Protein backbone atom coordinates (compact mmCIF):
# COMPACT_ATOMS: atom_id res chain seq x y z
CA MET A 1 -27.16 82.57 45.71
CA ALA A 2 -26.65 85.66 42.83
CA ASP A 3 -22.82 85.65 42.07
CA THR A 4 -21.35 89.06 43.88
CA LYS A 5 -17.31 87.96 42.90
CA LYS A 6 -15.98 91.07 42.16
CA TYR A 7 -13.41 91.72 39.24
CA GLU A 8 -10.47 94.26 38.66
CA VAL A 9 -11.96 94.97 35.41
CA THR A 10 -15.10 94.54 33.07
CA ILE A 11 -14.69 94.44 29.31
CA LEU A 12 -18.29 96.08 28.61
CA LEU A 13 -19.66 95.45 25.18
CA PRO A 14 -23.20 96.73 24.01
CA ALA A 15 -24.79 95.04 21.13
CA PHE A 16 -27.62 95.17 18.75
CA ASN A 17 -27.99 92.27 16.17
CA GLU A 18 -24.35 91.17 16.00
CA GLU A 19 -24.99 87.49 16.19
CA GLY A 20 -22.18 87.34 13.23
CA VAL A 21 -19.00 88.29 15.30
CA ILE A 22 -19.94 89.04 18.91
CA GLY A 23 -19.13 85.08 19.96
CA THR A 24 -15.86 85.04 18.25
CA THR A 25 -15.01 88.88 19.94
CA ILE A 26 -15.84 87.19 22.98
CA GLN A 27 -13.85 83.86 23.11
CA ARG A 28 -10.57 86.19 22.38
CA ILE A 29 -11.02 88.49 24.73
CA ARG A 30 -11.25 85.01 27.08
CA GLU A 31 -8.06 84.22 25.73
CA LEU A 32 -5.97 87.40 26.46
CA TYR A 33 -7.69 88.24 29.78
CA PRO A 34 -9.50 85.25 31.41
CA GLU A 35 -9.39 86.79 34.83
CA TYR A 36 -11.67 89.98 33.96
CA GLU A 37 -15.38 90.04 33.73
CA ILE A 38 -17.02 90.25 29.89
CA LEU A 39 -20.46 91.50 30.20
CA VAL A 40 -22.37 92.09 27.40
CA VAL A 41 -25.47 94.71 27.32
CA ASP A 42 -28.42 93.09 24.53
CA ASP A 43 -30.15 96.19 23.84
CA GLY A 44 -32.82 94.36 22.35
CA SER A 45 -31.72 92.57 19.85
CA THR A 46 -33.87 90.68 17.28
CA ASP A 47 -31.75 87.91 16.50
CA GLN A 48 -28.99 85.15 18.22
CA THR A 49 -26.97 87.64 19.76
CA MET A 50 -27.82 87.23 23.57
CA ALA A 51 -27.60 83.11 22.92
CA GLU A 52 -24.22 83.89 21.09
CA ALA A 53 -22.80 85.87 23.89
CA MET A 54 -23.82 83.36 26.83
CA ALA A 55 -22.53 80.54 25.13
CA ALA A 56 -19.28 82.23 24.43
CA GLY A 57 -19.41 82.47 28.53
CA ALA A 58 -20.13 86.53 28.76
CA ASN A 59 -22.68 87.40 31.36
CA VAL A 60 -25.68 89.14 29.67
CA TRP A 61 -27.98 92.21 30.55
CA PRO A 62 -30.70 92.11 28.45
CA HIS A 63 -33.24 95.32 27.59
CA PRO A 64 -36.37 94.35 26.84
CA TYR A 65 -36.32 96.29 23.22
CA ASN A 66 -34.15 99.14 21.15
CA ILE A 67 -33.01 101.69 23.89
CA GLY A 68 -29.98 102.90 21.98
CA ASN A 69 -26.42 102.17 22.59
CA GLY A 70 -25.86 105.27 25.26
CA ALA A 71 -28.72 103.18 27.26
CA ALA A 72 -26.62 100.06 27.00
CA ILE A 73 -23.46 101.44 28.12
CA LYS A 74 -25.42 103.07 31.31
CA SER A 75 -27.16 99.48 32.05
CA GLY A 76 -23.18 98.07 31.76
CA LEU A 77 -21.82 100.78 34.31
CA ARG A 78 -24.51 99.83 36.54
CA CYS A 79 -24.52 95.91 36.26
CA ALA A 80 -20.13 96.33 36.04
CA ARG A 81 -18.74 94.38 39.10
CA GLY A 82 -15.29 95.08 38.30
CA GLU A 83 -13.63 98.41 39.61
CA TRP A 84 -12.57 99.51 36.34
CA VAL A 85 -14.35 99.46 32.56
CA VAL A 86 -13.50 99.09 29.64
CA MET A 87 -15.68 100.24 26.84
CA MET A 88 -15.36 98.49 23.35
CA ASP A 89 -17.53 97.42 20.21
CA ALA A 90 -19.26 94.26 19.70
CA ASP A 91 -18.62 94.50 16.07
CA GLY A 92 -15.25 93.77 15.80
CA GLN A 93 -13.63 96.73 14.91
CA HIS A 94 -11.68 96.78 18.06
CA GLN A 95 -8.85 95.16 18.90
CA PRO A 96 -8.85 92.84 21.97
CA GLU A 97 -4.88 93.04 22.13
CA ASP A 98 -5.08 96.81 22.88
CA ILE A 99 -7.17 96.42 25.94
CA ALA A 100 -3.81 96.43 27.68
CA ARG A 101 -2.72 99.26 26.35
CA LEU A 102 -4.99 101.09 27.57
CA LEU A 103 -4.87 99.30 31.47
CA ALA A 104 -1.47 100.53 31.40
CA HIS A 105 -2.25 104.33 31.89
CA ARG A 106 -5.26 103.40 34.58
CA ASP A 107 -2.60 104.63 37.70
CA ARG A 108 -2.46 108.28 36.18
CA PHE A 109 -5.38 109.07 34.36
CA ASP A 110 -9.18 108.80 34.80
CA MET A 111 -10.35 108.23 31.41
CA VAL A 112 -8.26 106.43 28.84
CA VAL A 113 -9.54 106.30 24.99
CA GLY A 114 -8.37 104.58 22.12
CA ALA A 115 -7.77 107.41 19.66
CA ARG A 116 -8.09 105.88 16.07
CA THR A 117 -5.13 106.65 13.64
CA ARG A 118 -5.11 107.14 9.63
CA GLN A 119 -4.15 103.15 9.49
CA SER A 120 -7.40 102.26 10.94
CA GLU A 121 -10.12 101.16 8.04
CA THR A 122 -12.52 103.91 8.28
CA ARG A 123 -14.68 105.46 5.55
CA ALA A 124 -13.44 109.41 4.35
CA HIS A 125 -16.67 110.89 5.13
CA ARG A 126 -16.79 109.68 8.64
CA ASP A 127 -12.87 110.66 9.35
CA LEU A 128 -13.67 113.91 7.96
CA ALA A 129 -16.78 114.46 9.96
CA ASN A 130 -14.76 113.16 13.48
CA TRP A 131 -12.20 115.74 12.04
CA LEU A 132 -14.28 118.90 12.76
CA TYR A 133 -15.87 117.09 15.48
CA ASN A 134 -12.32 117.12 17.65
CA LYS A 135 -11.45 120.57 16.32
CA PHE A 136 -14.90 122.15 17.98
CA ALA A 137 -14.85 119.59 21.32
CA SER A 138 -11.05 120.58 21.44
CA TYR A 139 -11.84 124.38 21.09
CA VAL A 140 -14.72 124.07 23.59
CA THR A 141 -12.96 122.16 26.49
CA LYS A 142 -9.69 123.88 25.55
CA PHE A 143 -7.48 120.34 25.03
CA LYS A 144 -6.44 118.44 22.31
CA ILE A 145 -9.07 116.10 21.58
CA GLU A 146 -7.75 113.71 19.11
CA ASP A 147 -11.00 111.05 18.97
CA LEU A 148 -13.98 112.63 20.53
CA THR A 149 -16.18 109.72 19.29
CA SER A 150 -14.47 106.67 20.07
CA GLY A 151 -16.31 104.08 21.88
CA PHE A 152 -13.20 102.47 23.12
CA ARG A 153 -12.23 103.95 26.41
CA LEU A 154 -11.39 102.76 30.18
CA VAL A 155 -12.85 104.55 33.00
CA ARG A 156 -13.09 103.60 36.64
CA VAL A 157 -16.52 102.92 37.40
CA SER A 158 -17.10 104.94 40.52
CA VAL A 159 -16.17 108.16 38.52
CA ALA A 160 -18.22 107.22 35.12
CA LYS A 161 -21.48 106.88 37.26
CA GLN A 162 -21.07 110.19 38.71
CA PHE A 163 -22.19 111.40 35.11
CA LEU A 164 -24.74 108.27 34.22
CA TYR A 165 -27.83 111.19 34.58
CA LEU A 166 -25.57 113.32 31.79
CA LEU A 167 -25.44 110.69 29.19
CA PRO A 168 -27.92 110.62 26.54
CA ASN A 169 -29.53 106.91 25.25
CA THR A 170 -27.76 107.75 21.59
CA PHE A 171 -24.58 107.19 19.62
CA SER A 172 -23.44 110.40 21.57
CA TYR A 173 -22.56 109.21 24.90
CA PRO A 174 -18.38 109.15 24.12
CA SER A 175 -18.64 112.95 23.31
CA THR A 176 -20.75 113.79 26.39
CA LEU A 177 -18.61 111.50 28.65
CA THR A 178 -15.06 112.96 27.43
CA MET A 179 -16.37 116.76 27.52
CA ALA A 180 -18.27 115.78 31.31
CA TYR A 181 -14.64 114.55 32.12
CA LEU A 182 -12.94 117.49 30.73
CA ARG A 183 -15.33 119.98 32.31
CA SER A 184 -15.05 118.22 36.22
CA GLY A 185 -10.84 118.46 35.89
CA ARG A 186 -10.85 115.05 35.04
CA SER A 187 -7.37 113.72 33.46
CA VAL A 188 -7.93 111.73 30.17
CA LYS A 189 -5.45 110.05 28.07
CA TYR A 190 -5.23 109.43 24.29
CA VAL A 191 -3.65 105.89 23.41
CA PRO A 192 -3.54 105.79 19.12
CA ILE A 193 -4.77 102.63 17.89
CA GLN A 194 -5.99 100.97 14.74
CA THR A 195 -9.01 99.80 14.34
CA ARG A 196 -11.19 97.27 11.43
CA ALA A 197 -14.04 97.55 9.49
CA ARG A 198 -16.87 96.59 11.30
CA VAL A 199 -18.40 92.92 10.17
CA GLY A 200 -21.99 93.93 9.00
CA LYS A 201 -23.97 96.63 8.29
CA SER A 202 -23.29 99.66 10.48
CA LYS A 203 -25.96 101.51 12.63
CA ILE A 204 -25.08 104.76 12.00
CA LYS A 205 -26.52 106.60 8.41
CA LEU A 206 -25.01 109.33 6.99
CA LEU A 207 -27.80 111.50 5.90
CA ARG A 208 -30.10 110.62 8.51
CA ASP A 209 -27.48 110.68 11.40
CA GLY A 210 -25.02 113.39 10.32
CA THR A 211 -27.22 116.18 10.78
CA ARG A 212 -28.50 115.21 13.97
CA PHE A 213 -25.11 113.95 15.19
CA PHE A 214 -23.93 117.60 14.73
CA LEU A 215 -26.58 119.13 16.61
CA ILE A 216 -25.88 116.92 19.72
CA ILE A 217 -22.38 117.86 19.71
CA THR A 218 -23.46 121.55 19.77
CA LYS A 219 -25.40 120.89 22.33
CA ILE A 220 -23.20 119.41 24.50
CA ALA A 221 -20.86 122.44 23.52
CA THR A 222 -23.26 124.78 25.08
CA LEU A 223 -23.79 122.40 27.85
CA PHE A 224 -20.49 122.13 29.02
CA SER A 225 -19.09 125.53 28.27
CA PRO A 226 -21.95 127.70 27.03
CA PHE A 227 -19.62 130.75 27.07
CA ARG A 228 -17.30 129.12 24.48
CA VAL A 229 -20.42 129.28 21.80
CA PHE A 230 -22.46 132.28 22.59
CA LEU A 231 -19.31 134.40 23.34
CA PRO A 232 -17.86 134.44 19.77
CA ILE A 233 -21.38 134.90 18.31
CA SER A 234 -22.09 137.79 20.60
CA PHE A 235 -18.86 139.36 19.64
CA SER A 236 -19.32 139.16 16.32
CA LEU A 237 -22.80 140.27 16.02
CA PHE A 238 -20.93 143.55 18.01
CA ALA A 239 -18.08 144.01 15.72
CA THR A 240 -21.12 143.77 12.61
CA GLY A 241 -23.04 146.20 14.16
CA VAL A 242 -19.69 148.89 14.86
CA CYS A 243 -18.94 148.08 11.36
CA TYR A 244 -22.19 148.83 9.89
CA TYR A 245 -23.07 151.78 12.03
CA ALA A 246 -19.31 153.26 10.97
CA TYR A 247 -20.56 152.83 6.98
CA THR A 248 -23.98 154.51 7.79
CA PHE A 249 -22.81 157.63 9.66
CA PHE A 250 -20.29 158.31 6.84
CA THR A 251 -22.40 157.75 3.73
CA GLN A 252 -25.79 158.90 5.46
CA GLY A 253 -24.55 160.77 8.72
CA ARG A 254 -27.05 158.47 10.85
CA PHE A 255 -27.23 155.77 12.71
CA THR A 256 -29.88 153.08 11.74
CA ASN A 257 -32.11 151.12 12.93
CA MET A 258 -30.24 147.49 12.14
CA SER A 259 -26.97 149.27 13.82
CA ALA A 260 -29.33 149.01 17.13
CA LEU A 261 -30.81 145.62 16.49
CA LEU A 262 -27.25 144.00 15.75
CA PHE A 263 -26.06 145.63 19.22
CA ASN A 264 -29.39 144.92 21.42
CA THR A 265 -29.19 141.04 19.79
CA SER A 266 -25.35 140.79 20.88
CA VAL A 267 -26.33 142.09 24.56
CA ILE A 268 -28.87 139.63 24.51
CA ILE A 269 -26.81 136.31 23.40
CA PHE A 270 -24.18 137.70 25.76
CA MET A 271 -26.15 137.46 28.58
CA ILE A 272 -28.08 134.30 27.87
CA GLY A 273 -24.34 132.80 27.73
CA LEU A 274 -23.74 134.22 30.77
CA VAL A 275 -27.43 132.50 32.55
CA ALA A 276 -26.28 129.34 30.51
CA GLU A 277 -22.29 129.42 32.07
CA GLN A 278 -23.93 129.53 35.79
CA VAL A 279 -26.23 126.61 35.51
CA SER A 280 -23.60 124.66 33.78
CA GLN A 281 -21.61 125.28 36.81
CA MET A 282 -24.40 124.25 38.91
CA ARG A 283 -24.66 120.93 37.20
CA TYR A 284 -21.67 119.91 38.80
CA ASP A 285 -22.91 120.01 42.22
CA ARG A 286 -23.74 116.77 41.72
CA THR A 287 -20.43 115.60 41.52
CA GLU A 288 -17.29 115.26 43.68
């Protein structure tokens, strides 16, 4: 007979080739929170990650091949037997002791996120990139986002499942989930945490993933609040057209084709943004 036991909290760890640390991480979680479910989604690891997780006492859901970090999170949310799910990395960055700090806010907020502080063991170029992402996302959502890409967060399963269709299969799922919650009027709380350097080699490459991740953030922004992106561009082109027309009028006494192009482009971008805003609003007909 299948185990149908329900839990108050599920600790969800997406894992890909983390055999060197996952067993220790699970043991520490079990010592601190023996009453919680520990669920590992093995995303097609080619080492002994799944065996180490099972030996440490976790429930394991395997992917037949590597699909992506976001896909592992989606599988975990579908399989979790807890009312609440704490998502955390399996590479040793996040401290199990901080789980209790997230859970302390579950009665007041829909999502609680661990925000990495300056004392965290992170690299300078990633800190700069995260700062830029946070500023851009804060502008789009009109909410101060302290750590857009943090993978350490607490959500209620029933609420998070409403947004599964929006989540990508890649590392950008935290950004999408955060903005989806804010766009739908859900409350988000940030709790400062200190992370350690990961054990093993990072799966994210600066040159390969930096530009791609920026494009993903831009796509997410236009998905949830298109006007916050399209309107400034439209206004900038219109203002440029006005300035250029004033220049040509006083210097040449005429209205040029360039001014007409700038005006027309600004109107087209404004209308595209208006349509995109309506499409974005229609997406939320699928959620409460």
